[in-house]
Amino acid sequence: MNDYKLIAELLFPNIEKTDEILKRYPSRDLNNGEQVTRFAPSPTGFMHIGNFFQAFISYNIARQSDGVFYLRLEDTDSKREVKEAKEIIYQILEKFNVFPTEYQTLEGKDIGKYGPYVQSQRVNIYNAFAKKLVEEGKAFPCFCKKTEGKEDVLKLRENKFIEDNEKEYDPCRNLSYQEVKEHLDKGEKFAIRLKTKNDGSQRVKFYDLIKGEIEAKANSKDFILLKNDGIPPYAFAHAIDDTLMGTTIVVRGEEYISSTPMHIELFEALGFKPTSYCHNPLIWKIDENGKKRKISKRKDPEADMRFYFSEGYPKESILEYLLNLINSGFEIWRKNNPTLSWEEYKFGIKDITTVAPVFDIVKLNDIAKNIVVQISGEKLFDNWVKWAKEYDGELAEELVINKEKFVKLCKMERDDTAKPRKDIYNYKMLKEYFSYAFKKPKVVVEEKDIFKDFITNYKNSFIMPNSNQEWFDHIKDIAGQNGFAIDNKLYKQNPEAYKGNIAKACEFARIALTGQKSGPSLYYIIDALGESEVRERLESASKI
């Protein structure tokens, strides 16, 4: 037995053989063209829009190929782990209906044959493959106190490393069996590093499914495979897991392009075929100073996927907006197919944008308006109540108590017209949008005397209308009787002869009832408020 095998046995005694592990993870039985993708978030906080962007791309690649989309939690960074983050991940995926076919439930049950689907439960697997690499002389134990080669080992590295910026060989890479044993006998912890075969002069080529062939400098660092607590960083864990779980395409941010040469060397050392990578561009934003920057967890509330639910955006609007960011062709498709589900839209990996998309809340709102406008009044009310029950309990209670009134408001200029109003884009805004329905409005006008005279006469002759035309004919009569022009041509010819035109009279009535100068037809508002409430508001407005 050579030193490598002796060292490996010293480091990892009584551990499962990799051959046995490989038997537990047979190749997936895939039909031609079927893809296996994954979403592998770290539970370290809220779900960032960039992470969900990748999940959504992965989900669609699998869905469109009748393949598999699975969830793997990469929870190996215990210091940064946030207790409720796992629940947030599941909640977001579930709410958007972008849920995996294989995953581990919150109760700890694996759904699928390639688990555990949580990395902290796979440590024995990583240790087994680390042992194999040590046995083959491709990896070695490192006893430096700072395993990333900083601070207290800088001097050590300075003295022992070859003076070459292209290389970063570790001072522990050639320890003998006896030296390793002496370190272990002292109770010293160790990390495992890859023993790179490169010296900094090599180049490597790899193919990115979006960007095509990329050439870069090959890795020349003895990078970490296992930290000194036995837990792997991303590079080692993902190479093993993506291989064992049969992943065919890995969607990840383009910030990983620079580390791909390192990952390629690792796959080769393990004897695995490298996974196909799809490096998507990151999402950017134009800030208040007009400068372009990456969308930020600290600065931008819209970076948190929960923001869209707390604001009450229909989930379809977020998915369609992301499809716009993924591929600009979606906007043309949507224009030509206004009633089809977004799921009918097909795009290939080559259709994914190579240019960093810029987040635009105005564009999102426009997309949301087009979705909300197709919702019936009854359904709009139901959605509003559902949202309010989660985010505004008092509002939800009032909506339920006064259901008839609010259903009528939700229906106005929506269910009975070929061109419904497009001014609602989320459920949160409805409270302000229908603010006049919750309390008597504050009446503010400039022509107070004219306003009071007209509203007094309107109040005294008010009758509850049965149609929009009946309401308009009545207010037109009142306006004419009170010195307002009911013929716009006559008004334009001699405006000084009138108190205003019919539009001004309608505006006065609207202000008296809603406190607003514009909005949907007053007939619908009057019908929703009811005769008693309308008379009460006209009485109050006539006394300002």
Protein backbone atom coordinates (compact mmCIF):
# COMPACT_ATOMS: atom_id res chain seq x y z
CA MET A 1 0.00 0.00 0.00
CA ASN A 2 1.52 3.34 -1.08
CA ASP A 3 1.63 6.49 1.03
CA TYR A 4 -1.43 7.94 -0.68
CA LYS A 5 -3.63 5.04 0.33
CA LEU A 6 -2.19 4.96 3.84
CA ILE A 7 -2.82 8.69 4.23
CA ALA A 8 -6.38 8.31 2.88
CA GLU A 9 -7.12 5.53 5.36
CA LEU A 10 -5.63 7.60 8.17
CA LEU A 11 -7.86 10.56 7.28
CA PHE A 12 -11.06 8.65 6.47
CA PRO A 13 -11.17 5.28 8.25
CA ASN A 14 -14.19 3.01 7.91
CA ILE A 15 -15.92 5.01 5.20
CA GLU A 16 -18.14 3.72 2.38
CA LYS A 17 -16.50 2.98 -0.97
CA THR A 18 -17.40 5.22 -3.90
CA ASP A 19 -18.31 2.16 -5.98
CA GLU A 20 -21.12 1.37 -3.56
CA ILE A 21 -22.35 4.95 -3.69
CA LEU A 22 -22.39 4.95 -7.50
CA LYS A 23 -24.58 1.82 -7.45
CA ARG A 24 -27.18 3.73 -5.42
CA TYR A 25 -27.35 6.42 -8.08
CA PRO A 26 -27.92 4.67 -11.42
CA SER A 27 -28.13 6.70 -14.62
CA ARG A 28 -31.56 8.18 -15.25
CA ASP A 29 -33.68 6.49 -17.89
CA LEU A 30 -34.26 9.52 -20.14
CA ASN A 31 -35.91 9.63 -23.52
CA ASN A 32 -34.22 11.53 -26.32
CA GLY A 33 -34.19 15.27 -25.59
CA GLU A 34 -35.38 15.06 -21.98
CA GLN A 35 -33.38 17.31 -19.68
CA VAL A 36 -32.71 17.15 -15.95
CA THR A 37 -32.30 20.55 -14.33
CA ARG A 38 -32.13 21.67 -10.75
CA PHE A 39 -32.60 24.63 -8.47
CA ALA A 40 -29.95 24.55 -5.75
CA PRO A 41 -30.36 27.55 -3.44
CA SER A 42 -28.57 28.17 -0.16
CA PRO A 43 -31.01 28.84 2.73
CA THR A 44 -29.20 32.00 3.82
CA GLY A 45 -32.03 34.55 3.66
CA PHE A 46 -34.85 35.62 1.38
CA MET A 47 -35.09 34.36 -2.19
CA HIS A 48 -33.41 36.86 -4.50
CA ILE A 49 -35.04 37.61 -7.85
CA GLY A 50 -31.79 36.49 -9.52
CA ASN A 51 -32.08 33.06 -7.89
CA PHE A 52 -35.70 32.73 -8.91
CA PHE A 53 -34.76 33.85 -12.43
CA GLN A 54 -32.43 30.83 -12.66
CA ALA A 55 -35.04 28.54 -11.12
CA PHE A 56 -37.61 29.69 -13.67
CA ILE A 57 -35.24 29.05 -16.59
CA SER A 58 -34.40 25.60 -15.19
CA TYR A 59 -38.08 24.81 -14.66
CA ASN A 60 -38.96 25.71 -18.24
CA ILE A 61 -36.07 23.77 -19.77
CA ALA A 62 -37.23 20.65 -17.92
CA ARG A 63 -40.95 21.28 -18.54
CA GLN A 64 -40.56 21.87 -22.27
CA SER A 65 -38.51 18.69 -22.69
CA ASP A 66 -40.79 16.54 -20.49
CA GLY A 67 -37.79 16.13 -18.24
CA VAL A 68 -37.09 16.50 -14.51
CA PHE A 69 -36.75 19.64 -12.41
CA TYR A 70 -35.52 18.96 -8.89
CA LEU A 71 -34.72 21.01 -5.79
CA ARG A 72 -31.48 20.52 -3.87
CA LEU A 73 -30.80 22.62 -0.80
CA GLU A 74 -27.14 23.62 -0.55
CA ASP A 75 -27.07 24.18 3.20
CA THR A 76 -23.38 23.55 3.88
CA ASP A 77 -22.67 27.12 5.02
CA SER A 78 -24.07 26.79 8.54
CA LYS A 79 -22.71 30.17 9.67
CA ARG A 80 -24.83 32.03 7.12
CA GLU A 81 -27.89 29.81 7.29
CA VAL A 82 -31.15 31.56 8.25
CA LYS A 83 -33.71 29.47 10.13
CA GLU A 84 -36.80 30.42 8.10
CA ALA A 85 -35.03 30.54 4.71
CA LYS A 86 -35.95 26.97 3.78
CA GLU A 87 -39.65 27.69 4.34
CA ILE A 88 -39.37 30.86 2.24
CA ILE A 89 -37.87 28.89 -0.67
CA TYR A 90 -40.70 26.36 -0.63
CA GLN A 91 -43.34 29.06 -0.19
CA ILE A 92 -42.13 31.07 -3.20
CA LEU A 93 -41.85 28.03 -5.49
CA GLU A 94 -45.28 26.82 -4.43
CA LYS A 95 -46.98 30.20 -4.86
CA PHE A 96 -45.60 30.57 -8.37
CA ASN A 97 -46.43 26.94 -9.28
CA VAL A 98 -42.78 26.46 -10.23
CA PHE A 99 -42.40 23.46 -7.99
CA PRO A 100 -39.92 20.61 -8.48
CA THR A 101 -40.81 16.99 -9.19
CA GLU A 102 -38.06 15.79 -6.82
CA TYR A 103 -37.23 17.41 -3.48
CA GLN A 104 -37.20 16.89 0.27
CA THR A 105 -40.34 17.96 2.12
CA LEU A 106 -40.16 20.37 5.03
CA GLU A 107 -40.81 17.32 7.23
CA GLY A 108 -37.66 15.65 5.89
CA LYS A 109 -39.13 13.10 3.47
CA ASP A 110 -37.35 12.67 0.13
CA ILE A 111 -39.63 12.72 -2.91
CA GLY A 112 -37.54 11.04 -5.60
CA LYS A 113 -34.89 8.34 -5.92
CA TYR A 114 -31.76 10.52 -5.95
CA GLY A 115 -31.80 11.98 -2.44
CA PRO A 116 -31.03 13.09 0.11
CA TYR A 117 -31.92 16.39 -1.56
CA VAL A 118 -30.22 18.37 1.21
CA GLN A 119 -26.44 18.66 1.08
CA SER A 120 -25.84 18.58 4.84
CA GLN A 121 -27.26 15.03 4.73
CA ARG A 122 -24.77 13.97 2.05
CA VAL A 123 -21.51 14.62 3.92
CA ASN A 124 -20.60 10.93 3.97
CA ILE A 125 -20.78 10.94 0.16
CA TYR A 126 -18.43 13.91 -0.16
CA ASN A 127 -15.99 12.36 2.30
CA ALA A 128 -15.97 9.12 0.34
CA PHE A 129 -15.02 10.89 -2.89
CA ALA A 130 -12.46 13.04 -1.08
CA LYS A 131 -10.86 9.86 0.25
CA LYS A 132 -10.75 8.41 -3.27
CA LEU A 133 -8.96 11.51 -4.59
CA VAL A 134 -6.41 11.32 -1.75
CA GLU A 135 -5.85 7.60 -2.52
CA GLU A 136 -5.14 8.49 -6.14
CA GLY A 137 -2.72 11.29 -5.23
CA LYS A 138 -5.09 13.92 -6.64
CA ALA A 139 -5.86 15.55 -3.31
CA PHE A 140 -4.11 16.04 0.03
CA PRO A 141 -4.77 17.13 3.63
CA CYS A 142 -3.93 20.72 4.52
CA PHE A 143 -3.25 21.59 8.16
CA CYS A 144 -2.79 25.35 7.71
CA LYS A 145 -4.87 27.20 10.28
CA LYS A 146 -6.50 29.40 7.66
CA THR A 147 -7.39 26.95 4.93
CA GLU A 148 -8.07 29.65 2.37
CA GLY A 149 -4.45 30.78 2.62
CA LYS A 150 -4.89 34.14 4.33
CA GLU A 151 -3.59 36.00 7.37
CA ASP A 152 -1.52 33.64 9.53
CA VAL A 153 -0.36 31.42 6.63
CA LEU A 154 0.69 34.26 4.33
CA LYS A 155 4.27 34.03 5.61
CA LEU A 156 4.27 30.27 5.19
CA ARG A 157 3.03 30.59 1.64
CA GLU A 158 5.49 33.38 0.90
CA ASN A 159 8.38 31.14 1.92
CA LYS A 160 7.24 27.86 0.40
CA PHE A 161 5.38 28.81 -2.77
CA ILE A 162 7.21 29.15 -6.02
CA GLU A 163 7.35 32.84 -6.85
CA ASP A 164 4.87 32.77 -9.71
CA ASN A 165 1.55 34.62 -9.74
CA GLU A 166 0.04 31.97 -11.99
CA LYS A 167 0.41 29.25 -9.36
CA GLU A 168 -0.86 28.78 -5.83
CA TYR A 169 0.47 25.49 -4.60
CA ASP A 170 -0.18 24.72 -0.97
CA PRO A 171 2.74 24.08 1.44
CA CYS A 172 1.06 20.89 2.70
CA ARG A 173 0.71 19.26 -0.72
CA ASN A 174 3.64 16.86 -0.35
CA LEU A 175 3.43 15.81 3.30
CA SER A 176 4.54 12.25 3.99
CA TYR A 177 2.45 9.66 5.77
CA GLN A 178 4.49 10.20 8.96
CA GLU A 179 4.06 13.97 8.81
CA VAL A 180 0.31 13.62 8.34
CA LYS A 181 0.16 11.21 11.27
CA GLU A 182 2.09 13.62 13.50
CA HIS A 183 -0.39 16.40 12.72
CA LEU A 184 -3.33 14.11 13.46
CA ASP A 185 -1.77 12.83 16.68
CA LYS A 186 -1.63 16.43 17.86
CA GLY A 187 -5.39 16.69 17.27
CA GLU A 188 -4.99 19.18 14.42
CA LYS A 189 -7.87 19.65 12.04
CA PHE A 190 -7.36 19.34 8.31
CA ALA A 191 -8.95 20.48 5.09
CA ILE A 192 -8.72 18.56 1.83
CA ARG A 193 -7.33 20.34 -1.22
CA LEU A 194 -7.18 19.32 -4.85
CA LYS A 195 -3.60 18.81 -6.05
CA THR A 196 -3.79 20.71 -9.31
CA LYS A 197 -1.94 19.29 -12.28
CA ASN A 198 -1.43 22.72 -13.84
CA ASP A 199 1.35 25.27 -13.41
CA GLY A 200 -0.36 28.38 -14.77
CA SER A 201 0.69 28.07 -18.40
CA GLN A 202 -2.23 25.95 -19.59
CA ARG A 203 -5.44 27.10 -21.30
CA VAL A 204 -8.80 25.37 -21.22
CA LYS A 205 -11.81 25.55 -23.51
CA PHE A 206 -15.36 24.89 -22.44
CA TYR A 207 -18.74 25.29 -24.05
CA ASP A 208 -21.45 27.47 -22.55
CA LEU A 209 -24.95 26.70 -23.83
CA ILE A 210 -25.79 30.40 -24.10
CA LYS A 211 -22.48 32.06 -24.91
CA GLY A 212 -20.86 29.31 -26.97
CA GLU A 213 -17.18 28.28 -26.71
CA ILE A 214 -15.12 30.08 -24.09
CA GLU A 215 -11.35 29.86 -23.65
CA ALA A 216 -9.76 30.74 -20.32
CA LYS A 217 -6.69 30.20 -18.19
CA ALA A 218 -6.73 26.75 -16.62
CA ASN A 219 -6.92 26.43 -12.85
CA SER A 220 -3.55 26.35 -11.10
CA LYS A 221 -4.65 26.51 -7.47
CA ASP A 222 -4.80 23.78 -4.86
CA PHE A 223 -8.35 24.74 -3.98
CA ILE A 224 -10.45 23.46 -1.10
CA LEU A 225 -12.54 20.30 -1.52
CA LEU A 226 -13.48 19.81 2.13
CA LYS A 227 -13.22 22.44 4.85
CA ASN A 228 -11.68 21.43 8.18
CA ASP A 229 -15.15 20.53 9.51
CA GLY A 230 -15.60 17.95 6.74
CA ILE A 231 -18.13 20.12 4.85
CA PRO A 232 -17.50 20.86 1.16
CA PRO A 233 -17.76 24.27 -0.50
CA TYR A 234 -19.87 24.68 -3.64
CA ALA A 235 -17.29 23.42 -6.17
CA PHE A 236 -16.78 19.92 -4.76
CA ALA A 237 -20.37 19.36 -3.64
CA HIS A 238 -21.97 20.40 -6.93
CA ALA A 239 -19.63 18.28 -9.05
CA ILE A 240 -20.54 15.17 -7.08
CA ASP A 241 -24.24 15.91 -6.62
CA ASP A 242 -24.94 16.98 -10.20
CA THR A 243 -23.24 13.81 -11.43
CA LEU A 244 -24.95 11.41 -9.03
CA MET A 245 -28.35 13.05 -9.49
CA GLY A 246 -28.10 12.87 -13.27
CA THR A 247 -28.24 16.62 -13.93
CA THR A 248 -27.90 17.32 -17.66
CA ILE A 249 -27.96 21.14 -17.59
CA VAL A 250 -26.90 23.47 -14.79
CA VAL A 251 -28.37 26.99 -14.99
CA ARG A 252 -26.35 29.44 -12.93
CA GLY A 253 -25.31 33.09 -12.96
CA GLU A 254 -22.56 34.28 -15.27
CA GLU A 255 -20.42 35.19 -12.23
CA TYR A 256 -19.51 31.48 -12.19
CA ILE A 257 -17.84 31.60 -15.61
CA SER A 258 -14.52 32.59 -14.06
CA SER A 259 -14.51 29.52 -11.79
CA THR A 260 -15.59 27.05 -14.50
CA PRO A 261 -11.95 26.07 -15.33
CA MET A 262 -11.57 25.04 -11.68
CA HIS A 263 -14.78 23.00 -11.87
CA ILE A 264 -13.70 21.32 -15.11
CA GLU A 265 -10.44 20.17 -13.53
CA LEU A 266 -12.40 18.81 -10.59
CA PHE A 267 -14.78 16.81 -12.81
CA GLU A 268 -11.76 15.32 -14.61
CA ALA A 269 -10.06 14.41 -11.32
CA LEU A 270 -13.23 12.65 -10.18
CA GLY A 271 -13.51 10.80 -13.47
CA PHE A 272 -16.87 12.43 -14.23
CA LYS A 273 -18.12 13.97 -17.45
CA PRO A 274 -18.49 17.74 -16.89
CA THR A 275 -22.06 19.00 -16.67
CA SER A 276 -23.39 21.27 -19.42
CA TYR A 277 -23.51 24.82 -18.11
CA CYS A 278 -25.93 27.57 -19.00
CA HIS A 279 -24.59 30.83 -17.53
CA ASN A 280 -27.42 33.34 -17.57
CA PRO A 281 -26.78 37.11 -17.33
CA LEU A 282 -27.46 38.86 -14.04
CA ILE A 283 -30.36 41.28 -13.55
CA TRP A 284 -29.41 44.94 -13.31
CA LYS A 285 -31.23 48.14 -12.39
CA ILE A 286 -30.97 51.84 -13.19
CA ASP A 287 -30.70 53.68 -9.85
CA GLU A 288 -32.02 57.11 -8.93
CA ASN A 289 -28.82 58.69 -10.25
CA GLY A 290 -29.24 57.06 -13.65
CA LYS A 291 -26.39 54.61 -13.04
CA LYS A 292 -26.63 50.94 -13.94
CA ARG A 293 -25.89 48.46 -11.18
CA LYS A 294 -26.78 44.92 -10.14
CA ILE A 295 -30.12 44.67 -8.37
CA SER A 296 -29.26 44.68 -4.68
CA LYS A 297 -30.49 42.76 -1.64
CA ARG A 298 -29.72 45.75 0.58
CA LYS A 299 -31.02 48.57 -1.61
CA ASP A 300 -33.92 47.19 -3.64
CA PRO A 301 -37.11 45.77 -2.06
CA GLU A 302 -37.98 44.19 -5.43
CA ALA A 303 -34.90 41.95 -5.07
CA ASP A 304 -36.89 39.91 -2.52
CA MET A 305 -39.41 37.64 -4.24
CA ARG A 306 -41.81 38.10 -1.30
CA PHE A 307 -42.14 41.77 -2.31
CA TYR A 308 -44.38 40.83 -5.25
CA PHE A 309 -46.82 38.95 -3.04
CA SER A 310 -46.93 41.61 -0.34
CA GLU A 311 -47.66 44.17 -3.07
CA GLY A 312 -50.35 41.92 -4.50
CA TYR A 313 -49.06 41.34 -8.02
CA PRO A 314 -50.77 38.45 -9.81
CA LYS A 315 -48.20 35.68 -10.02
CA GLU A 316 -48.69 35.43 -13.80
CA SER A 317 -47.49 39.01 -14.18
CA ILE A 318 -44.16 38.23 -12.50
CA LEU A 319 -43.64 35.08 -14.57
CA GLU A 320 -44.49 36.91 -17.79
CA TYR A 321 -42.18 39.78 -16.85
CA LEU A 322 -39.34 37.30 -16.26
CA LEU A 323 -40.07 35.70 -19.63
CA ASN A 324 -39.61 39.17 -21.13
CA LEU A 325 -36.21 39.37 -19.43
CA ILE A 326 -35.27 35.87 -20.59
CA ASN A 327 -36.27 36.39 -24.21
CA SER A 328 -37.52 39.58 -25.87
CA GLY A 329 -39.52 37.47 -28.34
CA PHE A 330 -42.08 36.80 -25.62
CA GLU A 331 -43.51 40.31 -25.94
CA ILE A 332 -44.32 39.79 -29.64
CA TRP A 333 -45.73 36.35 -28.90
CA ARG A 334 -47.97 37.77 -26.17
CA LYS A 335 -49.28 40.50 -28.50
CA ASN A 336 -50.21 37.85 -31.06
CA ASN A 337 -51.64 35.47 -28.43
CA PRO A 338 -53.38 37.70 -25.84
CA THR A 339 -55.53 34.96 -24.32
CA LEU A 340 -53.11 32.02 -24.18
CA SER A 341 -51.32 30.98 -21.00
CA TRP A 342 -47.64 31.89 -20.80
CA GLU A 343 -46.98 28.15 -20.57
CA GLU A 344 -47.80 27.87 -24.28
CA TYR A 345 -44.74 29.98 -25.10
CA LYS A 346 -41.75 27.87 -26.10
CA PHE A 347 -38.15 29.03 -26.02
CA GLY A 348 -34.85 27.21 -26.35
CA ILE A 349 -31.60 27.73 -24.49
CA LYS A 350 -30.24 29.59 -27.52
CA ASP A 351 -33.12 32.08 -27.13
CA ILE A 352 -32.00 33.14 -23.65
CA THR A 353 -30.62 36.66 -23.70
CA THR A 354 -26.87 37.14 -23.54
CA VAL A 355 -27.30 40.79 -22.55
CA ALA A 356 -27.82 41.67 -18.88
CA PRO A 357 -31.54 42.55 -18.52
CA VAL A 358 -32.51 45.71 -16.64
CA PHE A 359 -35.31 45.55 -14.10
CA ASP A 360 -38.09 48.03 -14.91
CA ILE A 361 -41.03 48.35 -12.48
CA VAL A 362 -43.00 50.40 -15.05
CA LYS A 363 -42.77 47.55 -17.54
CA LEU A 364 -43.82 45.09 -14.86
CA ASN A 365 -46.84 47.24 -14.00
CA ASP A 366 -47.86 47.41 -17.67
CA ILE A 367 -47.72 43.63 -17.95
CA ALA A 368 -49.70 43.29 -14.71
CA LYS A 369 -52.37 45.70 -16.01
CA ASN A 370 -52.85 43.52 -19.08
CA ILE A 371 -53.34 40.49 -16.84
CA VAL A 372 -55.62 42.14 -14.27
CA VAL A 373 -57.83 43.60 -16.99
CA GLN A 374 -58.79 40.06 -18.06
CA ILE A 375 -59.97 39.11 -14.57
CA SER A 376 -63.73 39.28 -13.95
CA GLY A 377 -65.02 41.61 -11.26
CA GLU A 378 -66.08 38.72 -9.04
CA LYS A 379 -62.67 37.07 -9.37
CA LEU A 380 -60.89 40.38 -8.78
CA PHE A 381 -62.79 40.75 -5.52
CA ASP A 382 -61.97 37.16 -4.49
CA ASN A 383 -58.27 37.71 -5.24
CA TRP A 384 -58.31 40.96 -3.29
CA VAL A 385 -59.85 39.28 -0.25
CA LYS A 386 -57.36 36.39 -0.45
CA TRP A 387 -54.46 38.85 -0.56
CA ALA A 388 -55.91 40.96 2.27
CA LYS A 389 -56.36 37.94 4.55
CA GLU A 390 -52.59 37.39 4.38
CA TYR A 391 -51.36 40.99 4.45
CA ASP A 392 -54.13 43.24 5.84
CA GLY A 393 -56.54 41.50 8.19
CA GLU A 394 -58.69 44.58 8.96
CA LEU A 395 -59.19 45.23 5.26
CA ALA A 396 -60.14 41.60 4.65
CA GLU A 397 -62.78 41.81 7.38
CA GLU A 398 -64.31 44.96 5.91
CA LEU A 399 -64.34 43.51 2.39
CA VAL A 400 -66.20 40.41 3.57
CA ILE A 401 -68.73 42.41 5.61
CA ASN A 402 -69.44 44.78 2.69
CA LYS A 403 -69.06 42.23 -0.09
CA GLU A 404 -71.93 43.47 -2.25
CA LYS A 405 -70.55 47.02 -2.41
CA PHE A 406 -66.99 45.99 -3.21
CA VAL A 407 -67.99 43.37 -5.77
CA LYS A 408 -69.93 46.09 -7.63
CA LEU A 409 -66.89 48.37 -7.52
CA CYS A 410 -64.64 45.59 -8.83
CA LYS A 411 -67.09 44.92 -11.65
CA MET A 412 -67.53 48.51 -12.83
CA GLU A 413 -66.31 49.20 -16.34
CA ARG A 414 -64.95 45.68 -16.42
CA ASP A 415 -67.56 42.97 -16.94
CA ASP A 416 -69.97 44.93 -19.13
CA THR A 417 -67.63 46.59 -21.62
CA ALA A 418 -65.47 45.51 -24.54
CA LYS A 419 -62.75 47.93 -23.39
CA PRO A 420 -62.32 47.62 -19.61
CA ARG A 421 -60.14 50.15 -17.79
CA LYS A 422 -56.42 49.28 -17.58
CA ASP A 423 -55.37 51.06 -14.42
CA ILE A 424 -55.07 48.30 -11.83
CA TYR A 425 -51.83 46.32 -11.59
CA ASN A 426 -51.85 44.81 -8.09
CA TYR A 427 -54.23 44.07 -5.21
CA LYS A 428 -52.53 46.32 -2.68
CA MET A 429 -53.39 49.43 -4.71
CA LEU A 430 -57.13 48.66 -4.64
CA LYS A 431 -57.54 50.06 -1.13
CA GLU A 432 -56.33 53.44 -2.32
CA TYR A 433 -58.01 53.07 -5.71
CA PHE A 434 -61.38 52.60 -3.98
CA SER A 435 -60.51 54.82 -1.01
CA TYR A 436 -63.83 56.69 -1.34
CA ALA A 437 -65.68 53.46 -0.57
CA PHE A 438 -64.11 53.17 2.88
CA LYS A 439 -64.78 56.65 4.24
CA LYS A 440 -66.40 59.94 3.27
CA PRO A 441 -64.09 61.93 0.99
CA LYS A 442 -62.40 65.19 1.82
CA VAL A 443 -63.99 67.74 -0.53
CA VAL A 444 -61.61 70.39 -1.91
CA VAL A 445 -62.72 72.79 -4.68
CA GLU A 446 -61.68 76.23 -5.91
CA GLU A 447 -65.10 77.53 -7.09
CA LYS A 448 -66.74 76.87 -3.73
CA ASP A 449 -69.90 78.93 -4.23
CA ILE A 450 -70.71 77.50 -7.67
CA PHE A 451 -69.93 74.00 -6.34
CA LYS A 452 -72.23 74.38 -3.31
CA ASP A 453 -75.14 75.72 -5.36
CA PHE A 454 -74.89 72.91 -7.90
CA ILE A 455 -74.48 70.11 -5.32
CA THR A 456 -77.39 71.47 -3.27
CA ASN A 457 -79.67 71.37 -6.31
CA TYR A 458 -78.35 67.97 -7.34
CA LYS A 459 -78.97 66.65 -3.82
CA ASN A 460 -82.52 68.04 -3.69
CA SER A 461 -83.50 66.49 -7.01
CA PHE A 462 -81.44 63.30 -6.75
CA ILE A 463 -83.07 60.07 -7.86
CA MET A 464 -81.34 56.67 -7.84
CA PRO A 465 -80.56 55.87 -11.51
CA ASN A 466 -81.20 52.48 -13.13
CA SER A 467 -78.64 52.88 -15.90
CA ASN A 468 -75.64 54.93 -16.91
CA GLN A 469 -77.71 56.78 -19.52
CA GLU A 470 -80.44 57.58 -17.01
CA TRP A 471 -77.87 59.00 -14.59
CA PHE A 472 -76.24 61.14 -17.30
CA ASP A 473 -79.56 62.49 -18.60
CA HIS A 474 -80.57 63.49 -15.09
CA ILE A 475 -77.35 65.29 -14.17
CA LYS A 476 -77.43 66.99 -17.58
CA ASP A 477 -80.87 68.39 -16.76
CA ILE A 478 -79.72 69.64 -13.36
CA ALA A 479 -76.63 71.21 -14.90
CA GLY A 480 -78.72 73.03 -17.52
CA GLN A 481 -81.11 74.33 -14.87
CA ASN A 482 -78.14 75.70 -12.88
CA GLY A 483 -76.41 77.70 -15.57
CA PHE A 484 -74.04 75.07 -17.01
CA ALA A 485 -73.70 74.62 -20.77
CA ILE A 486 -75.06 71.29 -21.92
CA ASP A 487 -73.87 71.91 -25.49
CA ASN A 488 -70.08 72.03 -25.77
CA LYS A 489 -70.16 74.00 -29.03
CA LEU A 490 -72.13 76.80 -27.38
CA TYR A 491 -69.80 76.71 -24.38
CA LYS A 492 -66.69 77.05 -26.55
CA GLN A 493 -68.26 79.99 -28.42
CA ASN A 494 -69.08 81.90 -25.24
CA PRO A 495 -67.67 80.32 -22.04
CA GLU A 496 -68.23 83.47 -19.97
CA ALA A 497 -72.00 83.01 -20.33
CA TYR A 498 -71.95 79.78 -18.29
CA LYS A 499 -70.80 78.51 -14.92
CA GLY A 500 -69.08 75.69 -16.76
CA ASN A 501 -69.84 72.85 -19.14
CA ILE A 502 -71.43 69.47 -18.50
CA ALA A 503 -67.99 67.97 -17.83
CA LYS A 504 -67.51 70.48 -15.00
CA ALA A 505 -70.88 69.57 -13.51
CA CYS A 506 -69.96 65.87 -13.58
CA GLU A 507 -66.60 66.70 -11.98
CA PHE A 508 -68.38 68.52 -9.13
CA ALA A 509 -70.61 65.51 -8.54
CA ARG A 510 -67.59 63.19 -8.57
CA ILE A 511 -65.69 65.35 -6.07
CA ALA A 512 -68.74 65.41 -3.77
CA LEU A 513 -69.05 61.61 -3.83
CA THR A 514 -65.42 60.47 -4.10
CA GLY A 515 -63.12 63.44 -3.49
CA GLN A 516 -61.54 62.74 -6.90
CA LYS A 517 -61.68 64.63 -10.18
CA SER A 518 -61.60 61.60 -12.48
CA GLY A 519 -62.35 57.90 -12.50
CA PRO A 520 -64.89 55.36 -13.71
CA SER A 521 -68.43 56.42 -14.61
CA LEU A 522 -70.22 57.85 -11.57
CA TYR A 523 -73.25 55.70 -12.24
CA TYR A 524 -71.33 52.57 -11.13
CA ILE A 525 -69.99 54.31 -8.05
CA ILE A 526 -73.48 55.54 -7.11
CA ASP A 527 -74.87 52.03 -7.61
CA ALA A 528 -72.14 50.53 -5.39
CA LEU A 529 -72.41 53.13 -2.60
CA GLY A 530 -76.19 52.89 -2.44
CA GLU A 531 -78.83 55.62 -2.22
CA SER A 532 -78.50 56.32 1.50
CA GLU A 533 -74.71 56.77 1.35
CA VAL A 534 -74.95 58.95 -1.80
CA ARG A 535 -77.53 61.27 -0.25
CA GLU A 536 -75.47 61.54 2.93
CA ARG A 537 -72.35 62.49 0.97
CA LEU A 538 -74.17 65.06 -1.16
CA GLU A 539 -75.62 66.59 2.02
CA SER A 540 -72.17 66.80 3.59
CA ALA A 541 -70.59 68.27 0.42
CA SER A 542 -73.27 70.95 0.14
CA LYS A 543 -72.20 72.35 3.51
CA ILE A 544 -68.46 72.84 2.95
